[in-house]
């Protein structure tokens, strides 16, 4: 997750994850499914279908937040799951902060 400033209530925030095996980028263009998990500060989890940033050969998947997604200020966690049908891979867990608003 590239570092940026996220605020509670933001809509249209794009989270991009590059899928790697060690230092090598993984071609994910032919996966059965790609999922991004967003864990909130209260430990509840959003499960979101990811899309490709380009065509998947670059290993990058993404999710764009919708209304109600970033509904809590605090430390969040993000992880991707890639299902190749016979093999399933999970990425490392990253953390990011969602800042509160005055109103």
Protein backbone atom coordinates (compact mmCIF):
# COMPACT_ATOMS: atom_id res chain seq x y z
CA UNK A 1 0.00 0.00 0.00
CA UNK A 2 1.50 3.29 -1.02
CA UNK A 3 1.47 5.76 1.81
CA UNK A 4 -1.02 8.55 1.45
CA UNK A 5 -3.40 10.34 3.73
CA UNK A 6 -6.71 8.59 4.24
CA UNK A 7 -9.65 10.09 6.09
CA UNK A 8 -12.77 8.54 7.55
CA UNK A 9 -15.58 8.75 5.03
CA UNK A 10 -13.32 9.02 1.97
CA UNK A 11 -14.87 7.58 -1.19
CA UNK A 12 -12.83 6.72 -4.28
CA UNK A 13 -9.58 5.96 -2.47
CA UNK A 14 -7.61 3.42 -4.51
CA UNK A 15 -5.64 0.72 -2.73
CA UNK A 16 -3.13 -1.05 -4.99
CA UNK A 17 -1.22 -4.18 -4.03
CA UNK A 18 1.64 -5.71 -6.01
CA UNK A 19 1.68 -9.48 -5.72
CA UNK A 20 5.22 -10.83 -5.29
CA UNK A 21 6.90 -14.14 -4.61
CA UNK A 22 10.03 -13.01 -2.81
CA UNK A 23 11.36 -10.22 -5.01
CA UNK A 24 9.66 -11.47 -8.18
CA UNK A 25 6.38 -10.03 -9.44
CA UNK A 26 3.69 -12.68 -9.96
CA UNK A 27 1.60 -12.64 -13.15
CA UNK A 28 -1.97 -12.77 -11.82
CA UNK A 29 -3.71 -12.33 -15.18
CA UNK A 30 -5.27 -15.81 -15.10
CA UNK A 31 -6.40 -16.17 -11.49
CA UNK A 32 -9.77 -17.60 -10.50
CA UNK A 33 -10.30 -14.82 -7.97
CA UNK A 34 -8.55 -11.88 -6.37
CA UNK A 35 -9.68 -10.46 -3.05
CA UNK A 36 -8.59 -7.57 -0.85
CA UNK A 37 -9.31 -7.69 2.87
CA UNK A 38 -9.50 -4.48 4.89
CA UNK A 39 -9.49 -4.96 8.65
CA UNK A 40 -10.91 -2.04 10.63
CA UNK A 41 -9.60 -0.79 13.98
CA UNK A 42 -12.46 -2.67 15.72
CA UNK A 43 -11.18 -5.93 14.08
CA UNK A 44 -14.18 -6.31 11.76
CA UNK A 45 -13.15 -7.10 8.18
CA UNK A 46 -14.35 -5.94 4.77
CA UNK A 47 -13.97 -8.49 1.96
CA UNK A 48 -13.73 -6.81 -1.45
CA UNK A 49 -13.36 -8.23 -4.94
CA UNK A 50 -10.26 -6.70 -6.49
CA UNK A 51 -9.74 -5.60 -10.08
CA UNK A 52 -6.60 -5.41 -12.17
CA UNK A 53 -4.61 -2.19 -12.31
CA UNK A 54 -3.71 -3.01 -15.93
CA UNK A 55 -4.12 -6.59 -17.16
CA UNK A 56 -2.63 -8.54 -14.24
CA UNK A 57 0.69 -9.35 -15.91
CA UNK A 58 2.26 -6.60 -13.78
CA UNK A 59 1.08 -8.35 -10.60
CA UNK A 60 -0.94 -5.34 -9.46
CA UNK A 61 -4.51 -5.57 -8.18
CA UNK A 62 -6.62 -2.78 -6.72
CA UNK A 63 -9.80 -1.83 -4.92
CA UNK A 64 -11.54 1.56 -4.93
CA UNK A 65 -13.40 2.45 -1.74
CA UNK A 66 -17.12 3.03 -1.76
CA UNK A 67 -19.44 4.87 0.61
CA UNK A 68 -19.26 3.36 4.09
CA UNK A 69 -15.94 1.52 3.63
CA UNK A 70 -13.56 3.81 5.55
CA UNK A 71 -15.96 4.41 8.42
CA UNK A 72 -13.53 4.32 11.35
CA UNK A 73 -10.51 6.42 12.25
CA UNK A 74 -7.49 4.48 13.48
CA UNK A 75 -5.05 1.82 12.32
CA UNK A 76 -6.31 -0.48 9.58
CA UNK A 77 -4.75 -3.57 8.02
CA UNK A 78 -4.85 -4.73 4.40
CA UNK A 79 -4.09 -8.08 2.77
CA UNK A 80 -4.69 -9.63 -0.64
CA UNK A 81 -5.62 -13.22 -1.47
CA UNK A 82 -5.01 -14.65 -4.93
CA UNK A 83 -6.68 -17.92 -5.96
CA UNK A 84 -5.12 -19.71 -8.95
CA UNK A 85 -7.55 -22.63 -8.64
CA UNK A 86 -5.02 -25.19 -7.41
CA UNK A 87 -2.85 -22.72 -5.47
CA UNK A 88 -3.92 -19.93 -3.12
CA UNK A 89 -1.57 -17.18 -1.98
CA UNK A 90 -1.94 -14.48 0.67
CA UNK A 91 0.21 -11.37 0.73
CA UNK A 92 1.91 -9.92 3.76
CA UNK A 93 -0.30 -7.75 5.94
CA UNK A 94 0.28 -4.00 5.68
CA UNK A 95 -1.01 -1.32 8.01
CA UNK A 96 -2.30 2.16 7.25
CA UNK A 97 -3.94 4.92 9.24
CA UNK A 98 -7.33 6.49 8.61
CA UNK A 99 -7.50 9.96 10.11
CA UNK A 100 -10.54 11.45 11.80
CA UNK A 101 -12.41 14.51 10.57
CA UNK A 102 -13.61 17.56 12.48
CA UNK A 103 -17.16 17.15 11.19
